[in-house]
Structures are given as C-alpha cells and as structure tokens.
C-alpha cells in the first residue's frame, strides 16, 4: 500500500515509471490488471484508472481495447518527463535570443525505402517535405527538413503557416498531437547544401539530429532531419528522473 503524503495518482504514476525503468515491467509486456494493481496499491479502481490514463496520455503505456494495457516498446528510450517537449523556437528563445523561422521550400514526392521503414508505410506513397531555416538574432543556426505522409493532412495546404513549430503544424493541419520523439544524434561532414543555408564553411563537421515523432498510440508520423550549428547556439539538455 502506498503512502498518502502526495497525490495518490502521482505516486502510482511514479512507481510504474520506476518499474519500467528498472526492467520490472519490460517494454511490450502486458501491465497487470486494474484490479490487481488497485489491490496492490490499496486504492479504488477509479483512482488506479486515473493514474493509468495519465500514463497512456504521456505514451508510457498503450491501451488495447479489450486486451488491457501494455508498456510502450519505446518507453525506455525517451525521457521519463515526456511533457517537457521542446521546439527549436523555444530552444532559441530560452538561450536569450530572438527566434525567427525562414521558409525555404515545400513539395511532395514519393517516399524512399528508408522513410517507409521509419514511418511504417506499407508501400511507396506521396510524402510532404517541409524545409525551413531557424535563426537566432538573425543568424542561421538550424537547417531543418520534416517529412510526413501526404495522406495525414486534414486541412488544405494552399496557405500553410510555416511559422508554426512541428507540434503546432501537425495539430493545425493534420489534427494530430505529437506526444514524444526519439532523436539520434551524430556528427557528419558539412555538405554544400547544408553550408549554403548555415554558411559555416566546409572544413568542419556539424551536429545532426535524426528525429522521429510519435502519437500517443506510438505511431510514427513525422521524420525530422536537422543540422545544428553549435558554434552559434550552445545545446544543453536537462533530464529529470521524475
């Protein structure tokens, strides 16, 4: 039975997160039933359900209708404080600089095999490409390309607001809430295309973010390829246990 010194649902949330982190609940495994967990924690099933619902909203667990709740297979890969998502304009603003988004290009083409694998597409299909440049105090710091399936759009693309963050963009034009993302970071030699946008020379490497954005159902819906000029904008990632 848990202590009552803090909100019960918050404590249950923390306990389940810790069990995911330490491997007691393995990614992809089925969560014990609501009745079992309610009895373990000494709470009502409605209280337990509120805690489970909050974890489902954050993407830690997945609800399968008629088949219980399962630990998200990506749960150990993303920050446990899932609601601390940041966008590039926010990152620039929090560095004490003025953010600006410069639209470069948008177009539609057929998906590549790599995009099909990452976005879990069954076959080649049209994907929408959005290329933008993020500036800090007027200086280019991030060259960004986002890729998403064309059929996700629920609103016309005649006059897209390219000043929106990717989270706002997906909500406005696809009616999709992005709940979490997974980023792979690496350094690579600057290409002519990237240097044309960031103007930092061809004689050095640059930090690259390969992002995949997910819905609360753990569905990958957007890819991001972002080149980051860390000479002009320092990157600091803060992660918390709870």
C-alpha atoms as a PDB file:
ATOM      1  CA  UNK A   1       0.000   0.000   0.000  1.00  0.00           C
ATOM      2  CA  UNK A   2       1.335   3.455  -0.883  1.00  0.00           C
ATOM      3  CA  UNK A   3       1.764   6.422   1.437  1.00  0.00           C
ATOM      4  CA  UNK A   4      -0.726   9.329   1.288  1.00  0.00           C
ATOM      5  CA  UNK A   5       1.814  12.176   1.665  1.00  0.00           C
ATOM      6  CA  UNK A   6       1.330  13.160  -2.007  1.00  0.00           C
ATOM      7  CA  UNK A   7      -1.458  12.749  -4.592  1.00  0.00           C
ATOM      8  CA  UNK A   8      -2.137   9.032  -4.908  1.00  0.00           C
ATOM      9  CA  UNK A   9      -2.334   9.072  -8.711  1.00  0.00           C
ATOM     10  CA  UNK A  10       1.019  10.890  -8.879  1.00  0.00           C
ATOM     11  CA  UNK A  11       2.690   8.277  -6.679  1.00  0.00           C
ATOM     12  CA  UNK A  12       1.235   5.381  -8.696  1.00  0.00           C
ATOM     13  CA  UNK A  13       2.456   7.094 -11.869  1.00  0.00           C
ATOM     14  CA  UNK A  14       5.972   7.372 -10.382  1.00  0.00           C
ATOM     15  CA  UNK A  15       6.036   3.746  -9.198  1.00  0.00           C
ATOM     16  CA  UNK A  16       5.030   2.393 -12.608  1.00  0.00           C
ATOM     17  CA  UNK A  17       7.611   4.625 -14.322  1.00  0.00           C
ATOM     18  CA  UNK A  18      10.291   3.300 -11.978  1.00  0.00           C
ATOM     19  CA  UNK A  19       9.301  -0.293 -12.716  1.00  0.00           C
ATOM     20  CA  UNK A  20       9.601   0.399 -16.446  1.00  0.00           C
ATOM     21  CA  UNK A  21      12.997   1.996 -15.893  1.00  0.00           C
ATOM     22  CA  UNK A  22      14.419  -0.851 -13.764  1.00  0.00           C
ATOM     23  CA  UNK A  23      13.051  -3.581 -16.024  1.00  0.00           C
ATOM     24  CA  UNK A  24      10.344  -4.942 -13.715  1.00  0.00           C
ATOM     25  CA  UNK A  25       7.865  -4.069 -16.474  1.00  0.00           C
ATOM     26  CA  UNK A  26       9.590  -4.801 -19.760  1.00  0.00           C
ATOM     27  CA  UNK A  27       8.797  -2.873 -22.976  1.00  0.00           C
ATOM     28  CA  UNK A  28       5.975  -4.577 -24.864  1.00  0.00           C
ATOM     29  CA  UNK A  29       4.790  -6.573 -21.825  1.00  0.00           C
ATOM     30  CA  UNK A  30       1.230  -6.521 -20.533  1.00  0.00           C
ATOM     31  CA  UNK A  31       0.557  -4.433 -17.431  1.00  0.00           C
ATOM     32  CA  UNK A  32      -1.156  -6.231 -14.503  1.00  0.00           C
ATOM     33  CA  UNK A  33      -4.924  -5.772 -14.498  1.00  0.00           C
ATOM     34  CA  UNK A  34      -6.571  -2.742 -12.904  1.00  0.00           C
ATOM     35  CA  UNK A  35      -7.945  -4.954 -10.139  1.00  0.00           C
ATOM     36  CA  UNK A  36      -4.509  -6.427  -9.346  1.00  0.00           C
ATOM     37  CA  UNK A  37      -2.863  -3.003  -9.246  1.00  0.00           C
ATOM     38  CA  UNK A  38      -5.697  -1.423  -7.250  1.00  0.00           C
ATOM     39  CA  UNK A  39      -5.373  -4.178  -4.640  1.00  0.00           C
ATOM     40  CA  UNK A  40      -1.585  -3.826  -4.535  1.00  0.00           C
ATOM     41  CA  UNK A  41      -1.681  -0.054  -4.018  1.00  0.00           C
ATOM     42  CA  UNK A  42      -4.713  -0.105  -1.730  1.00  0.00           C
ATOM     43  CA  UNK A  43      -6.785   2.270  -3.847  1.00  0.00           C
ATOM     44  CA  UNK A  44     -10.088   2.171  -5.687  1.00  0.00           C
ATOM     45  CA  UNK A  45     -10.201   1.050  -9.305  1.00  0.00           C
ATOM     46  CA  UNK A  46     -11.315   4.553 -10.373  1.00  0.00           C
ATOM     47  CA  UNK A  47      -8.225   6.076  -8.710  1.00  0.00           C
ATOM     48  CA  UNK A  48      -5.988   3.471 -10.320  1.00  0.00           C
ATOM     49  CA  UNK A  49      -7.644   4.109 -13.683  1.00  0.00           C
ATOM     50  CA  UNK A  50      -6.867   7.848 -13.444  1.00  0.00           C
ATOM     51  CA  UNK A  51      -3.174   7.064 -12.957  1.00  0.00           C
ATOM     52  CA  UNK A  52      -3.167   4.624 -15.870  1.00  0.00           C
ATOM     53  CA  UNK A  53      -4.940   7.140 -18.098  1.00  0.00           C
ATOM     54  CA  UNK A  54      -2.259   9.760 -17.390  1.00  0.00           C
ATOM     55  CA  UNK A  55       0.463   7.275 -18.359  1.00  0.00           C
ATOM     56  CA  UNK A  56      -1.420   6.428 -21.551  1.00  0.00           C
ATOM     57  CA  UNK A  57      -1.722  10.130 -22.431  1.00  0.00           C
ATOM     58  CA  UNK A  58       2.038  10.533 -21.997  1.00  0.00           C
ATOM     59  CA  UNK A  59       2.787   7.470 -24.135  1.00  0.00           C
ATOM     60  CA  UNK A  60       4.362   5.350 -21.388  1.00  0.00           C
ATOM     61  CA  UNK A  61       1.695   2.680 -21.832  1.00  0.00           C
ATOM     62  CA  UNK A  62      -0.600   1.735 -24.709  1.00  0.00           C
ATOM     63  CA  UNK A  63      -4.262   0.845 -24.216  1.00  0.00           C
ATOM     64  CA  UNK A  64      -5.509  -2.028 -26.387  1.00  0.00           C
ATOM     65  CA  UNK A  65      -9.299  -2.224 -26.429  1.00  0.00           C
ATOM     66  CA  UNK A  66     -10.482  -5.433 -24.830  1.00  0.00           C
ATOM     67  CA  UNK A  67      -6.928  -6.613 -24.227  1.00  0.00           C
ATOM     68  CA  UNK A  68      -5.576  -4.486 -21.370  1.00  0.00           C
ATOM     69  CA  UNK A  69      -2.629  -2.083 -21.169  1.00  0.00           C
ATOM     70  CA  UNK A  70       0.897  -2.670 -22.456  1.00  0.00           C
ATOM     71  CA  UNK A  71       4.239  -0.987 -21.814  1.00  0.00           C
ATOM     72  CA  UNK A  72       5.247   1.124 -24.804  1.00  0.00           C
ATOM     73  CA  UNK A  73       8.151  -0.632 -26.542  1.00  0.00           C
ATOM     74  CA  UNK A  74       9.891   2.770 -26.761  1.00  0.00           C
ATOM     75  CA  UNK A  75       9.340   3.579 -23.077  1.00  0.00           C
ATOM     76  CA  UNK A  76      12.981   3.119 -22.062  1.00  0.00           C
ATOM     77  CA  UNK A  77      14.240   5.214 -24.993  1.00  0.00           C
ATOM     78  CA  UNK A  78      12.657   8.557 -24.238  1.00  0.00           C
ATOM     79  CA  UNK A  79      12.832  10.946 -21.336  1.00  0.00           C
ATOM     80  CA  UNK A  80      10.595   9.960 -18.422  1.00  0.00           C
ATOM     81  CA  UNK A  81       9.409  13.570 -18.209  1.00  0.00           C
ATOM     82  CA  UNK A  82       7.563  13.296 -21.501  1.00  0.00           C
ATOM     83  CA  UNK A  83       5.655  16.548 -21.294  1.00  0.00           C
ATOM     84  CA  UNK A  84       8.918  18.550 -21.406  1.00  0.00           C
ATOM     85  CA  UNK A  85       8.969  18.545 -25.209  1.00  0.00           C
ATOM     86  CA  UNK A  86      10.822  21.498 -26.715  1.00  0.00           C
ATOM     87  CA  UNK A  87      10.722  23.074 -30.152  1.00  0.00           C
ATOM     88  CA  UNK A  88      13.532  24.887 -31.941  1.00  0.00           C
ATOM     89  CA  UNK A  89      11.989  28.384 -31.477  1.00  0.00           C
ATOM     90  CA  UNK A  90      11.635  27.614 -27.757  1.00  0.00           C
ATOM     91  CA  UNK A  91      15.236  26.400 -27.585  1.00  0.00           C
ATOM     92  CA  UNK A  92      16.471  29.611 -29.227  1.00  0.00           C
ATOM     93  CA  UNK A  93      14.301  31.830 -27.036  1.00  0.00           C
ATOM     94  CA  UNK A  94      15.450  30.127 -23.839  1.00  0.00           C
ATOM     95  CA  UNK A  95      19.063  30.830 -24.873  1.00  0.00           C
ATOM     96  CA  UNK A  96      18.247  34.538 -24.576  1.00  0.00           C
ATOM     97  CA  UNK A  97      17.985  35.182 -28.315  1.00  0.00           C
ATOM     98  CA  UNK A  98      15.200  36.177 -30.644  1.00  0.00           C
ATOM     99  CA  UNK A  99      13.905  33.247 -32.752  1.00  0.00           C
ATOM    100  CA  UNK A 100      12.876  33.531 -36.380  1.00  0.00           C
ATOM    101  CA  UNK A 101      11.729  30.899 -38.874  1.00  0.00           C
ATOM    102  CA  UNK A 102      12.619  31.304 -42.538  1.00  0.00           C
ATOM    103  CA  UNK A 103      10.681  29.190 -45.026  1.00  0.00           C
ATOM    104  CA  UNK A 104      12.873  27.581 -47.699  1.00  0.00           C
ATOM    105  CA  UNK A 105      10.815  25.119 -49.705  1.00  0.00           C
ATOM    106  CA  UNK A 106       7.932  22.638 -49.560  1.00  0.00           C
ATOM    107  CA  UNK A 107       6.996  19.942 -52.061  1.00  0.00           C
ATOM    108  CA  UNK A 108       5.607  16.446 -52.442  1.00  0.00           C
ATOM    109  CA  UNK A 109       7.456  13.396 -53.754  1.00  0.00           C
ATOM    110  CA  UNK A 110       7.310   9.612 -53.468  1.00  0.00           C
ATOM    111  CA  UNK A 111       8.715   8.117 -50.272  1.00  0.00           C
ATOM    112  CA  UNK A 112      12.084   6.389 -50.154  1.00  0.00           C
ATOM    113  CA  UNK A 113      12.542   2.879 -48.742  1.00  0.00           C
ATOM    114  CA  UNK A 114      14.200   4.333 -45.624  1.00  0.00           C
ATOM    115  CA  UNK A 115      11.258   6.669 -45.000  1.00  0.00           C
ATOM    116  CA  UNK A 116       8.824   3.792 -45.494  1.00  0.00           C
ATOM    117  CA  UNK A 117      10.653   1.726 -42.882  1.00  0.00           C
ATOM    118  CA  UNK A 118      10.809   4.543 -40.314  1.00  0.00           C
ATOM    119  CA  UNK A 119       7.231   5.781 -40.840  1.00  0.00           C
ATOM    120  CA  UNK A 120       5.918   2.193 -41.101  1.00  0.00           C
ATOM    121  CA  UNK A 121       4.426   2.673 -44.563  1.00  0.00           C
ATOM    122  CA  UNK A 122       3.314  -0.459 -46.374  1.00  0.00           C
ATOM    123  CA  UNK A 123       4.331   0.774 -49.826  1.00  0.00           C
ATOM    124  CA  UNK A 124       5.776   3.806 -51.640  1.00  0.00           C
ATOM    125  CA  UNK A 125       3.427   6.766 -51.313  1.00  0.00           C
ATOM    126  CA  UNK A 126       3.453  10.574 -51.544  1.00  0.00           C
ATOM    127  CA  UNK A 127       5.215  12.342 -48.666  1.00  0.00           C
ATOM    128  CA  UNK A 128       5.218  16.058 -47.907  1.00  0.00           C
ATOM    129  CA  UNK A 129       8.602  17.767 -47.405  1.00  0.00           C
ATOM    130  CA  UNK A 130       8.949  20.986 -45.408  1.00  0.00           C
ATOM    131  CA  UNK A 131      12.344  22.720 -45.366  1.00  0.00           C
ATOM    132  CA  UNK A 132      12.992  25.654 -43.033  1.00  0.00           C
ATOM    133  CA  UNK A 133      15.816  27.651 -41.514  1.00  0.00           C
ATOM    134  CA  UNK A 134      15.748  28.649 -37.838  1.00  0.00           C
ATOM    135  CA  UNK A 135      17.574  31.842 -36.930  1.00  0.00           C
ATOM    136  CA  UNK A 136      18.786  33.244 -33.592  1.00  0.00           C
ATOM    137  CA  UNK A 137      19.116  37.035 -33.567  1.00  0.00           C
ATOM    138  CA  UNK A 138      19.060  36.923 -37.353  1.00  0.00           C
ATOM    139  CA  UNK A 139      21.831  34.320 -37.693  1.00  0.00           C
ATOM    140  CA  UNK A 140      21.036  30.843 -39.149  1.00  0.00           C
ATOM    141  CA  UNK A 141      21.531  28.109 -36.539  1.00  0.00           C
ATOM    142  CA  UNK A 142      19.337  25.138 -37.583  1.00  0.00           C
ATOM    143  CA  UNK A 143      18.581  23.846 -41.071  1.00  0.00           C
ATOM    144  CA  UNK A 144      15.511  21.624 -40.745  1.00  0.00           C
ATOM    145  CA  UNK A 145      13.646  19.208 -43.004  1.00  0.00           C
ATOM    146  CA  UNK A 146      10.413  17.497 -41.897  1.00  0.00           C
ATOM    147  CA  UNK A 147       8.872  14.570 -43.778  1.00  0.00           C
ATOM    148  CA  UNK A 148       5.329  13.234 -43.300  1.00  0.00           C
ATOM    149  CA  UNK A 149       2.859  11.147 -45.312  1.00  0.00           C
ATOM    150  CA  UNK A 150       0.709  13.288 -47.588  1.00  0.00           C
ATOM    151  CA  UNK A 151      -2.483  11.493 -46.552  1.00  0.00           C
ATOM    152  CA  UNK A 152      -2.185  12.756 -42.964  1.00  0.00           C
ATOM    153  CA  UNK A 153      -3.370  16.225 -43.975  1.00  0.00           C
ATOM    154  CA  UNK A 154      -6.950  17.019 -42.968  1.00  0.00           C
ATOM    155  CA  UNK A 155      -6.727  20.701 -43.947  1.00  0.00           C
ATOM    156  CA  UNK A 156      -5.890  22.241 -47.362  1.00  0.00           C
ATOM    157  CA  UNK A 157      -2.226  23.053 -47.974  1.00  0.00           C
ATOM    158  CA  UNK A 158      -2.953  26.159 -50.062  1.00  0.00           C
ATOM    159  CA  UNK A 159      -1.697  28.609 -47.421  1.00  0.00           C
ATOM    160  CA  UNK A 160       0.385  26.780 -44.834  1.00  0.00           C
ATOM    161  CA  UNK A 161       1.613  28.721 -41.821  1.00  0.00           C
ATOM    162  CA  UNK A 162       5.279  27.736 -41.904  1.00  0.00           C
ATOM    163  CA  UNK A 163       5.992  29.767 -38.756  1.00  0.00           C
ATOM    164  CA  UNK A 164       4.457  27.070 -36.571  1.00  0.00           C
ATOM    165  CA  UNK A 165       6.532  24.577 -34.601  1.00  0.00           C
ATOM    166  CA  UNK A 166       6.228  20.987 -35.822  1.00  0.00           C
ATOM    167  CA  UNK A 167       3.900  20.243 -32.872  1.00  0.00           C
ATOM    168  CA  UNK A 168       1.627  23.165 -33.790  1.00  0.00           C
ATOM    169  CA  UNK A 169       1.864  22.360 -37.504  1.00  0.00           C
ATOM    170  CA  UNK A 170       0.695  18.759 -37.049  1.00  0.00           C
ATOM    171  CA  UNK A 171      -2.148  19.817 -34.754  1.00  0.00           C
ATOM    172  CA  UNK A 172      -3.333  22.554 -37.130  1.00  0.00           C
ATOM    173  CA  UNK A 173      -3.131  20.724 -40.463  1.00  0.00           C
ATOM    174  CA  UNK A 174      -3.336  17.024 -39.587  1.00  0.00           C
ATOM    175  CA  UNK A 175      -5.330  17.092 -36.337  1.00  0.00           C
ATOM    176  CA  UNK A 176      -2.546  15.010 -34.776  1.00  0.00           C
ATOM    177  CA  UNK A 177      -0.981  15.501 -31.352  1.00  0.00           C
ATOM    178  CA  UNK A 178       2.700  14.626 -31.162  1.00  0.00           C
ATOM    179  CA  UNK A 179       3.350  13.115 -27.738  1.00  0.00           C
ATOM    180  CA  UNK A 180       7.017  12.171 -27.854  1.00  0.00           C
ATOM    181  CA  UNK A 181      10.005  11.953 -30.147  1.00  0.00           C
ATOM    182  CA  UNK A 182      13.161   9.882 -30.366  1.00  0.00           C
ATOM    183  CA  UNK A 183      16.345  11.567 -31.586  1.00  0.00           C
ATOM    184  CA  UNK A 184      19.532  10.017 -32.888  1.00  0.00           C
ATOM    185  CA  UNK A 185      22.472  12.429 -32.772  1.00  0.00           C
ATOM    186  CA  UNK A 186      25.667  12.197 -34.770  1.00  0.00           C
ATOM    187  CA  UNK A 187      28.274  14.410 -36.409  1.00  0.00           C
ATOM    188  CA  UNK A 188      28.923  14.476 -40.132  1.00  0.00           C
ATOM    189  CA  UNK A 189      30.909  16.485 -42.647  1.00  0.00           C
ATOM    190  CA  UNK A 190      29.113  19.579 -43.886  1.00  0.00           C
ATOM    191  CA  UNK A 191      27.753  19.270 -47.422  1.00  0.00           C
ATOM    192  CA  UNK A 192      27.417  22.057 -49.981  1.00  0.00           C
ATOM    193  CA  UNK A 193      23.623  22.051 -49.488  1.00  0.00           C
ATOM    194  CA  UNK A 194      23.852  22.476 -45.713  1.00  0.00           C
ATOM    195  CA  UNK A 195      26.626  25.061 -45.952  1.00  0.00           C
ATOM    196  CA  UNK A 196      24.532  27.101 -48.371  1.00  0.00           C
ATOM    197  CA  UNK A 197      21.957  27.546 -45.616  1.00  0.00           C
ATOM    198  CA  UNK A 198      24.126  27.767 -42.487  1.00  0.00           C
ATOM    199  CA  UNK A 199      27.214  29.386 -44.031  1.00  0.00           C
ATOM    200  CA  UNK A 200      29.789  27.931 -41.642  1.00  0.00           C
ATOM    201  CA  UNK A 201      32.358  26.507 -44.062  1.00  0.00           C
ATOM    202  CA  UNK A 202      33.077  23.073 -45.492  1.00  0.00           C
ATOM    203  CA  UNK A 203      36.109  22.301 -43.336  1.00  0.00           C
ATOM    204  CA  UNK A 204      34.322  21.048 -40.217  1.00  0.00           C
ATOM    205  CA  UNK A 205      31.664  18.615 -39.022  1.00  0.00           C
ATOM    206  CA  UNK A 206      28.203  19.538 -37.837  1.00  0.00           C
ATOM    207  CA  UNK A 207      25.773  18.058 -35.309  1.00  0.00           C
ATOM    208  CA  UNK A 208      22.824  16.247 -36.926  1.00  0.00           C
ATOM    209  CA  UNK A 209      19.518  15.345 -35.247  1.00  0.00           C
ATOM    210  CA  UNK A 210      17.560  12.490 -36.843  1.00  0.00           C
ATOM    211  CA  UNK A 211      14.128  12.760 -35.190  1.00  0.00           C
ATOM    212  CA  UNK A 212      11.024  10.588 -35.320  1.00  0.00           C
ATOM    213  CA  UNK A 213       7.828  11.995 -33.791  1.00  0.00           C
ATOM    214  CA  UNK A 214       5.114   9.727 -32.370  1.00  0.00           C
ATOM    215  CA  UNK A 215       1.446   9.908 -31.399  1.00  0.00           C
ATOM    216  CA  UNK A 216       0.210   8.595 -28.040  1.00  0.00           C
ATOM    217  CA  UNK A 217      -0.551   5.297 -29.817  1.00  0.00           C
ATOM    218  CA  UNK A 218       3.171   5.066 -30.576  1.00  0.00           C
ATOM    219  CA  UNK A 219       2.581   5.627 -34.289  1.00  0.00           C
ATOM    220  CA  UNK A 220       5.482   7.310 -36.117  1.00  0.00           C
ATOM    221  CA  UNK A 221       4.071  10.163 -38.199  1.00  0.00           C
ATOM    222  CA  UNK A 222       6.867  12.683 -38.844  1.00  0.00           C
ATOM    223  CA  UNK A 223      10.578  12.458 -39.570  1.00  0.00           C
ATOM    224  CA  UNK A 224      12.999  15.287 -38.944  1.00  0.00           C
ATOM    225  CA  UNK A 225      16.496  15.873 -40.317  1.00  0.00           C
ATOM    226  CA  UNK A 226      18.071  18.838 -38.540  1.00  0.00           C
ATOM    227  CA  UNK A 227      21.560  20.320 -38.925  1.00  0.00           C
ATOM    228  CA  UNK A 228      22.573  22.268 -35.833  1.00  0.00           C
ATOM    229  CA  UNK A 229      25.260  24.965 -35.690  1.00  0.00           C
ATOM    230  CA  UNK A 230      26.547  24.547 -32.141  1.00  0.00           C
ATOM    231  CA  UNK A 231      29.152  27.273 -32.689  1.00  0.00           C
ATOM    232  CA  UNK A 232      26.394  29.890 -32.561  1.00  0.00           C
ATOM    233  CA  UNK A 233      23.895  28.186 -30.265  1.00  0.00           C
ATOM    234  CA  UNK A 234      25.040  26.009 -27.374  1.00  0.00           C
ATOM    235  CA  UNK A 235      22.952  22.914 -26.722  1.00  0.00           C
ATOM    236  CA  UNK A 236      22.086  21.933 -23.163  1.00  0.00           C
ATOM    237  CA  UNK A 237      19.748  19.016 -22.443  1.00  0.00           C
ATOM    238  CA  UNK A 238      18.359  18.691 -18.937  1.00  0.00           C
ATOM    239  CA  UNK A 239      16.692  15.437 -17.920  1.00  0.00           C
ATOM    240  CA  UNK A 240      14.966  14.677 -14.650  1.00  0.00           C
ATOM    241  CA  UNK A 241      14.153  11.360 -13.022  1.00  0.00           C
ATOM    242  CA  UNK A 242      10.615  12.408 -12.131  1.00  0.00           C
END
